[in-house]
Amino acid sequence: MKKFFATICAACLLISGCGGEEKPASEKILTEAVDIDLTKLSATMVYPAVFDMIENPSEYRGKTIKIRGKYFAAHDPAKDEYHHACVIWDETACCMQGMEFELADKKYPPNESDITLTGKFDVYTIQKIDNPILLDARIVD
């Protein structure tokens, strides 16, 4: 799966690098700062890519990830805290994967908003279960 994902990422980079207009300097900085840009993958490919991040978190820890999906917040009444996630559906919209995140500025959008964000991939553990999260995230669209 790792080789497959790496091959897909390499193909996306090759395709995106051909031709087109020159990007503004501010957009170049943002693009260069991202290690894995999931927004360039189709719905068919982004779902397994996120699944791989969830199943193999040590491979991605510390990398800057860019992701696009729907924002959902869930309240944990036991701790009186919210968990924020960017949810991505597969091509047929029958299955979904979510990536939890914490915004650096704590200014979360309305629930069910379409969002694109970047953040540092990390993992936190609850009851011996590793949970992936994007830390110091920011909404870029």
N, C-alpha and C. Protein backbone atom coordinates (compact mmCIF):
# COMPACT_ATOMS: atom_id res chain seq x y z
N MET A 1 0.83 -1.20 0.00
CA MET A 1 0.00 0.00 0.00
C MET A 1 0.87 1.25 0.00
N LYS A 2 2.01 1.20 0.73
CA LYS A 2 2.88 2.37 0.80
C LYS A 2 3.46 2.70 -0.58
N LYS A 3 3.91 1.67 -1.31
CA LYS A 3 4.46 1.90 -2.64
C LYS A 3 3.39 2.42 -3.59
N PHE A 4 2.18 1.89 -3.47
CA PHE A 4 1.07 2.33 -4.31
C PHE A 4 0.78 3.80 -4.05
N PHE A 5 0.70 4.18 -2.76
CA PHE A 5 0.42 5.57 -2.40
C PHE A 5 1.54 6.49 -2.88
N ALA A 6 2.79 6.06 -2.73
CA ALA A 6 3.92 6.87 -3.18
C ALA A 6 3.89 7.06 -4.68
N THR A 7 3.51 6.01 -5.42
CA THR A 7 3.42 6.08 -6.88
C THR A 7 2.35 7.08 -7.30
N ILE A 8 1.20 7.02 -6.63
CA ILE A 8 0.10 7.94 -6.94
C ILE A 8 0.52 9.38 -6.66
N CYS A 9 1.17 9.60 -5.51
CA CYS A 9 1.61 10.95 -5.16
C CYS A 9 2.62 11.47 -6.19
N ALA A 10 3.56 10.61 -6.60
CA ALA A 10 4.55 11.02 -7.59
C ALA A 10 3.88 11.38 -8.91
N ALA A 11 2.90 10.59 -9.32
CA ALA A 11 2.18 10.87 -10.57
C ALA A 11 1.45 12.21 -10.48
N CYS A 12 0.83 12.47 -9.33
CA CYS A 12 0.13 13.75 -9.16
C CYS A 12 1.09 14.92 -9.24
N LEU A 13 2.27 14.76 -8.63
CA LEU A 13 3.25 15.84 -8.67
C LEU A 13 3.74 16.09 -10.10
N LEU A 14 3.97 15.03 -10.86
CA LEU A 14 4.41 15.18 -12.24
C LEU A 14 3.36 15.88 -13.09
N ILE A 15 2.11 15.47 -12.93
CA ILE A 15 1.03 16.06 -13.71
C ILE A 15 0.84 17.52 -13.34
N SER A 16 0.86 17.83 -12.03
CA SER A 16 0.61 19.21 -11.60
C SER A 16 1.76 20.14 -11.96
N GLY A 17 2.95 19.59 -12.21
CA GLY A 17 4.10 20.42 -12.53
C GLY A 17 4.21 20.80 -13.98
N CYS A 18 3.39 20.28 -14.83
CA CYS A 18 3.50 20.53 -16.28
C CYS A 18 2.66 21.72 -16.70
N GLY A 19 3.30 22.69 -17.34
CA GLY A 19 2.60 23.82 -17.94
C GLY A 19 1.87 24.67 -16.93
N GLY A 20 0.91 25.46 -17.43
CA GLY A 20 0.09 26.29 -16.56
C GLY A 20 0.73 27.64 -16.29
N GLU A 21 -0.02 28.46 -15.56
CA GLU A 21 0.44 29.79 -15.23
C GLU A 21 1.34 29.77 -14.01
N GLU A 22 2.18 30.77 -13.90
CA GLU A 22 3.05 30.92 -12.75
C GLU A 22 2.20 31.29 -11.53
N LYS A 23 2.45 30.63 -10.40
CA LYS A 23 1.69 30.90 -9.19
C LYS A 23 2.23 32.15 -8.50
N PRO A 24 1.34 32.91 -7.80
CA PRO A 24 1.82 34.04 -7.02
C PRO A 24 2.76 33.55 -5.92
N ALA A 25 3.65 34.43 -5.45
CA ALA A 25 4.64 34.06 -4.44
C ALA A 25 3.99 33.51 -3.18
N SER A 26 2.87 34.10 -2.73
CA SER A 26 2.22 33.63 -1.50
C SER A 26 1.71 32.20 -1.66
N GLU A 27 1.20 31.85 -2.83
CA GLU A 27 0.69 30.50 -3.08
C GLU A 27 1.85 29.51 -3.17
N LYS A 28 2.99 29.94 -3.73
CA LYS A 28 4.16 29.07 -3.81
C LYS A 28 4.64 28.69 -2.41
N ILE A 29 4.69 29.65 -1.51
CA ILE A 29 5.14 29.38 -0.15
C ILE A 29 4.23 28.34 0.49
N LEU A 30 2.93 28.48 0.34
CA LEU A 30 1.99 27.54 0.93
C LEU A 30 2.17 26.15 0.31
N THR A 31 2.33 26.08 -1.00
CA THR A 31 2.49 24.80 -1.68
C THR A 31 3.79 24.13 -1.26
N GLU A 32 4.87 24.88 -1.17
CA GLU A 32 6.16 24.30 -0.81
C GLU A 32 6.18 23.83 0.64
N ALA A 33 5.36 24.42 1.50
CA ALA A 33 5.36 24.06 2.91
C ALA A 33 4.56 22.79 3.17
N VAL A 34 3.81 22.30 2.20
CA VAL A 34 2.96 21.12 2.36
C VAL A 34 3.74 19.87 1.93
N ASP A 35 3.81 18.89 2.83
CA ASP A 35 4.49 17.63 2.50
C ASP A 35 3.59 16.70 1.68
N ILE A 36 2.31 16.62 2.06
CA ILE A 36 1.36 15.75 1.37
C ILE A 36 0.10 16.55 1.07
N ASP A 37 -0.19 16.76 -0.20
CA ASP A 37 -1.35 17.54 -0.61
C ASP A 37 -2.44 16.59 -1.11
N LEU A 38 -3.38 16.27 -0.24
CA LEU A 38 -4.46 15.36 -0.59
C LEU A 38 -5.53 16.02 -1.46
N THR A 39 -5.49 17.35 -1.58
CA THR A 39 -6.48 18.04 -2.40
C THR A 39 -6.26 17.80 -3.89
N LYS A 40 -5.09 17.30 -4.26
CA LYS A 40 -4.80 17.04 -5.67
C LYS A 40 -5.25 15.65 -6.11
N LEU A 41 -5.67 14.83 -5.14
CA LEU A 41 -6.12 13.48 -5.46
C LEU A 41 -7.61 13.45 -5.74
N SER A 42 -8.03 12.53 -6.58
CA SER A 42 -9.47 12.36 -6.84
C SER A 42 -10.13 11.73 -5.62
N ALA A 43 -11.45 11.76 -5.58
CA ALA A 43 -12.19 11.15 -4.47
C ALA A 43 -11.91 9.66 -4.39
N THR A 44 -11.59 9.05 -5.51
CA THR A 44 -11.25 7.63 -5.52
C THR A 44 -9.93 7.39 -4.80
N MET A 45 -8.97 8.29 -4.94
CA MET A 45 -7.65 8.08 -4.37
C MET A 45 -7.48 8.69 -2.98
N VAL A 46 -8.19 9.76 -2.65
CA VAL A 46 -7.99 10.40 -1.36
C VAL A 46 -8.49 9.53 -0.21
N TYR A 47 -9.55 8.81 -0.43
CA TYR A 47 -10.09 7.94 0.62
C TYR A 47 -9.06 6.90 1.07
N PRO A 48 -8.43 6.13 0.17
CA PRO A 48 -7.42 5.17 0.64
C PRO A 48 -6.17 5.85 1.21
N ALA A 49 -5.85 7.06 0.72
CA ALA A 49 -4.69 7.77 1.26
C ALA A 49 -4.92 8.12 2.72
N VAL A 50 -6.10 8.63 3.06
CA VAL A 50 -6.43 8.97 4.45
C VAL A 50 -6.50 7.69 5.28
N PHE A 51 -7.05 6.64 4.72
CA PHE A 51 -7.11 5.36 5.42
C PHE A 51 -5.70 4.89 5.77
N ASP A 52 -4.75 5.04 4.85
CA ASP A 52 -3.37 4.65 5.12
C ASP A 52 -2.77 5.48 6.24
N MET A 53 -3.08 6.77 6.29
CA MET A 53 -2.59 7.62 7.38
C MET A 53 -3.11 7.15 8.73
N ILE A 54 -4.37 6.74 8.75
CA ILE A 54 -4.98 6.27 9.99
C ILE A 54 -4.39 4.92 10.41
N GLU A 55 -4.13 4.06 9.45
CA GLU A 55 -3.60 2.73 9.75
C GLU A 55 -2.10 2.72 10.01
N ASN A 56 -1.37 3.66 9.44
CA ASN A 56 0.09 3.71 9.56
C ASN A 56 0.55 5.11 10.00
N PRO A 57 0.09 5.59 11.15
CA PRO A 57 0.37 6.97 11.53
C PRO A 57 1.84 7.31 11.69
N SER A 58 2.68 6.36 12.06
CA SER A 58 4.09 6.67 12.28
C SER A 58 4.77 7.11 10.97
N GLU A 59 4.24 6.69 9.84
CA GLU A 59 4.81 7.08 8.54
C GLU A 59 4.59 8.57 8.23
N TYR A 60 3.61 9.18 8.88
CA TYR A 60 3.19 10.55 8.54
C TYR A 60 3.45 11.57 9.64
N ARG A 61 3.79 11.12 10.84
CA ARG A 61 3.96 12.02 11.99
C ARG A 61 4.94 13.14 11.65
N GLY A 62 4.53 14.38 11.95
CA GLY A 62 5.36 15.56 11.73
C GLY A 62 5.26 16.15 10.33
N LYS A 63 4.58 15.49 9.42
CA LYS A 63 4.44 16.01 8.05
C LYS A 63 3.27 16.98 7.98
N THR A 64 3.41 17.98 7.12
CA THR A 64 2.32 18.93 6.90
C THR A 64 1.41 18.36 5.83
N ILE A 65 0.13 18.26 6.18
CA ILE A 65 -0.87 17.66 5.31
C ILE A 65 -1.87 18.75 4.89
N LYS A 66 -2.27 18.71 3.63
CA LYS A 66 -3.33 19.59 3.13
C LYS A 66 -4.50 18.68 2.76
N ILE A 67 -5.68 19.03 3.24
CA ILE A 67 -6.85 18.16 3.07
C ILE A 67 -8.10 19.01 2.82
N ARG A 68 -9.05 18.45 2.08
CA ARG A 68 -10.31 19.15 1.79
C ARG A 68 -11.46 18.21 2.11
N GLY A 69 -12.51 18.75 2.74
CA GLY A 69 -13.69 17.95 3.06
C GLY A 69 -14.75 18.78 3.75
N LYS A 70 -15.61 18.12 4.49
CA LYS A 70 -16.68 18.79 5.25
C LYS A 70 -16.27 18.86 6.71
N TYR A 71 -16.54 20.00 7.32
CA TYR A 71 -16.24 20.19 8.74
C TYR A 71 -17.39 19.68 9.60
N PHE A 72 -17.03 18.90 10.59
CA PHE A 72 -18.00 18.44 11.59
C PHE A 72 -17.38 18.57 12.97
N ALA A 73 -18.19 19.03 13.92
CA ALA A 73 -17.76 19.13 15.32
C ALA A 73 -18.63 18.18 16.14
N ALA A 74 -18.00 17.53 17.11
CA ALA A 74 -18.72 16.62 18.00
C ALA A 74 -18.36 16.98 19.43
N HIS A 75 -19.37 17.07 20.28
CA HIS A 75 -19.17 17.43 21.68
C HIS A 75 -19.01 16.17 22.52
N ASP A 76 -17.99 16.17 23.38
CA ASP A 76 -17.76 15.09 24.33
C ASP A 76 -18.26 15.59 25.69
N PRO A 77 -19.47 15.16 26.09
CA PRO A 77 -20.04 15.69 27.33
C PRO A 77 -19.26 15.26 28.58
N ALA A 78 -18.58 14.12 28.53
CA ALA A 78 -17.83 13.66 29.69
C ALA A 78 -16.69 14.62 30.04
N LYS A 79 -16.06 15.19 29.01
CA LYS A 79 -14.95 16.12 29.24
C LYS A 79 -15.32 17.56 28.92
N ASP A 80 -16.56 17.76 28.46
CA ASP A 80 -17.05 19.07 28.03
C ASP A 80 -16.07 19.73 27.05
N GLU A 81 -15.72 18.97 26.01
CA GLU A 81 -14.85 19.50 24.97
C GLU A 81 -15.36 19.07 23.60
N TYR A 82 -14.92 19.81 22.59
CA TYR A 82 -15.32 19.50 21.22
C TYR A 82 -14.16 18.84 20.47
N HIS A 83 -14.52 17.95 19.57
CA HIS A 83 -13.58 17.35 18.64
C HIS A 83 -13.98 17.83 17.26
N HIS A 84 -13.00 18.29 16.49
CA HIS A 84 -13.25 18.87 15.17
C HIS A 84 -12.64 17.96 14.11
N ALA A 85 -13.41 17.71 13.05
CA ALA A 85 -12.93 16.79 12.02
C ALA A 85 -13.24 17.30 10.62
N CYS A 86 -12.34 16.96 9.70
CA CYS A 86 -12.54 17.16 8.28
C CYS A 86 -12.88 15.79 7.72
N VAL A 87 -14.08 15.63 7.19
CA VAL A 87 -14.57 14.33 6.74
C VAL A 87 -14.56 14.28 5.21
N ILE A 88 -14.05 13.15 4.69
CA ILE A 88 -13.92 12.96 3.26
C ILE A 88 -14.67 11.70 2.86
N TRP A 89 -15.51 11.82 1.84
CA TRP A 89 -16.24 10.66 1.33
C TRP A 89 -15.52 10.07 0.14
N ASP A 90 -15.76 8.79 -0.12
CA ASP A 90 -15.20 8.17 -1.31
C ASP A 90 -16.04 8.59 -2.52
N GLU A 91 -15.66 8.12 -3.70
CA GLU A 91 -16.31 8.51 -4.95
C GLU A 91 -17.81 8.24 -4.96
N THR A 92 -18.24 7.14 -4.37
CA THR A 92 -19.66 6.79 -4.39
C THR A 92 -20.44 7.34 -3.20
N ALA A 93 -19.75 8.03 -2.30
CA ALA A 93 -20.33 8.62 -1.09
C ALA A 93 -20.96 7.58 -0.17
N CYS A 94 -20.45 6.36 -0.24
CA CYS A 94 -20.96 5.32 0.65
C CYS A 94 -20.07 5.16 1.87
N CYS A 95 -18.81 5.56 1.77
CA CYS A 95 -17.86 5.40 2.87
C CYS A 95 -17.17 6.73 3.13
N MET A 96 -16.73 6.92 4.37
CA MET A 96 -16.05 8.16 4.69
C MET A 96 -14.90 7.91 5.63
N GLN A 97 -13.95 8.83 5.61
CA GLN A 97 -12.83 8.87 6.54
C GLN A 97 -12.78 10.27 7.10
N GLY A 98 -12.42 10.38 8.36
CA GLY A 98 -12.30 11.69 8.98
C GLY A 98 -10.91 11.92 9.52
N MET A 99 -10.48 13.17 9.50
CA MET A 99 -9.20 13.55 10.07
C MET A 99 -9.49 14.63 11.11
N GLU A 100 -9.23 14.32 12.35
CA GLU A 100 -9.44 15.29 13.42
C GLU A 100 -8.39 16.38 13.30
N PHE A 101 -8.73 17.60 13.74
CA PHE A 101 -7.78 18.71 13.68
C PHE A 101 -8.09 19.72 14.77
N GLU A 102 -7.08 20.53 15.06
CA GLU A 102 -7.23 21.67 15.97
C GLU A 102 -6.70 22.90 15.25
N LEU A 103 -7.56 23.90 15.10
CA LEU A 103 -7.14 25.13 14.45
C LEU A 103 -6.26 25.95 15.38
N ALA A 104 -5.19 26.50 14.84
CA ALA A 104 -4.29 27.32 15.63
C ALA A 104 -5.00 28.54 16.20
N ASP A 105 -5.91 29.14 15.42
CA ASP A 105 -6.60 30.36 15.87
C ASP A 105 -7.91 30.08 16.59
N LYS A 106 -8.31 28.81 16.68
CA LYS A 106 -9.54 28.38 17.39
C LYS A 106 -10.81 28.99 16.82
N LYS A 107 -10.77 29.49 15.57
CA LYS A 107 -11.94 30.09 14.93
C LYS A 107 -12.54 29.06 13.96
N TYR A 108 -13.41 28.21 14.48
CA TYR A 108 -13.98 27.12 13.69
C TYR A 108 -15.16 27.60 12.86
N PRO A 109 -15.33 27.07 11.66
CA PRO A 109 -16.44 27.47 10.78
C PRO A 109 -17.74 26.83 11.25
N PRO A 110 -18.85 27.20 10.63
CA PRO A 110 -20.13 26.54 10.95
C PRO A 110 -20.06 25.05 10.59
N ASN A 111 -20.77 24.24 11.36
CA ASN A 111 -20.82 22.81 11.11
C ASN A 111 -21.27 22.53 9.68
N GLU A 112 -20.72 21.52 9.06
CA GLU A 112 -21.01 21.06 7.70
C GLU A 112 -20.51 22.00 6.62
N SER A 113 -19.56 22.89 6.96
CA SER A 113 -18.94 23.76 5.96
C SER A 113 -17.93 22.97 5.14
N ASP A 114 -17.79 23.34 3.87
CA ASP A 114 -16.70 22.79 3.06
C ASP A 114 -15.43 23.53 3.47
N ILE A 115 -14.37 22.77 3.77
CA ILE A 115 -13.13 23.40 4.20
C ILE A 115 -11.93 22.76 3.51
N THR A 116 -10.87 23.56 3.40
CA THR A 116 -9.55 23.08 3.00
C THR A 116 -8.61 23.58 4.09
N LEU A 117 -7.80 22.67 4.61
CA LEU A 117 -6.91 23.08 5.69
C LEU A 117 -5.57 22.38 5.60
N THR A 118 -4.58 22.98 6.27
CA THR A 118 -3.27 22.38 6.41
C THR A 118 -2.96 22.25 7.89
N GLY A 119 -2.17 21.26 8.24
CA GLY A 119 -1.76 21.09 9.63
C GLY A 119 -0.70 20.01 9.74
N LYS A 120 -0.05 19.96 10.88
CA LYS A 120 0.99 18.96 11.15
C LYS A 120 0.35 17.68 11.65
N PHE A 121 0.65 16.58 11.00
CA PHE A 121 0.09 15.28 11.37
C PHE A 121 0.74 14.79 12.65
N ASP A 122 -0.11 14.36 13.58
CA ASP A 122 0.36 13.78 14.83
C ASP A 122 -0.64 12.74 15.29
N VAL A 123 -0.39 12.14 16.42
CA VAL A 123 -1.25 11.10 16.97
C VAL A 123 -1.40 11.33 18.47
N TYR A 124 -2.62 11.16 18.98
CA TYR A 124 -2.81 11.14 20.43
C TYR A 124 -3.49 9.83 20.77
N THR A 125 -3.28 9.37 22.00
CA THR A 125 -3.75 8.04 22.40
C THR A 125 -4.83 8.15 23.47
N ILE A 126 -5.93 7.45 23.25
CA ILE A 126 -7.01 7.34 24.25
C ILE A 126 -7.30 5.86 24.41
N GLN A 127 -7.23 5.38 25.61
CA GLN A 127 -7.49 3.97 25.92
C GLN A 127 -6.73 3.04 24.98
N LYS A 128 -5.43 3.30 24.83
CA LYS A 128 -4.52 2.48 24.02
C LYS A 128 -4.85 2.48 22.52
N ILE A 129 -5.64 3.43 22.07
CA ILE A 129 -5.97 3.56 20.65
C ILE A 129 -5.35 4.85 20.13
N ASP A 130 -4.54 4.74 19.06
CA ASP A 130 -3.94 5.92 18.45
C ASP A 130 -4.96 6.60 17.55
N ASN A 131 -5.06 7.91 17.72
CA ASN A 131 -5.98 8.73 16.95
C ASN A 131 -5.20 9.80 16.20
N PRO A 132 -5.27 9.82 14.86
CA PRO A 132 -4.55 10.84 14.10
C PRO A 132 -5.22 12.21 14.26
N ILE A 133 -4.38 13.24 14.21
CA ILE A 133 -4.88 14.61 14.33
C ILE A 133 -3.94 15.55 13.58
N LEU A 134 -4.51 16.60 13.02
CA LEU A 134 -3.70 17.68 12.42
C LEU A 134 -3.63 18.81 13.43
N LEU A 135 -2.43 19.10 13.91
CA LEU A 135 -2.24 20.15 14.91
C LEU A 135 -1.82 21.46 14.26
N ASP A 136 -2.06 22.56 14.98
CA ASP A 136 -1.73 23.90 14.47
C ASP A 136 -2.27 24.12 13.07
N ALA A 137 -3.46 23.58 12.83
CA ALA A 137 -4.06 23.66 11.49
C ALA A 137 -4.57 25.07 11.21
N ARG A 138 -4.71 25.33 9.93
CA ARG A 138 -5.32 26.60 9.50
C ARG A 138 -6.12 26.35 8.25
N ILE A 139 -7.22 27.06 8.14
CA ILE A 139 -8.08 26.97 6.97
C ILE A 139 -7.46 27.83 5.88
N VAL A 140 -7.28 27.24 4.71
CA VAL A 140 -6.61 27.96 3.62
C VAL A 140 -7.55 28.36 2.50
N ASP A 141 -8.78 27.93 2.51
CA ASP A 141 -9.76 28.35 1.49
C ASP A 141 -10.94 28.99 2.13
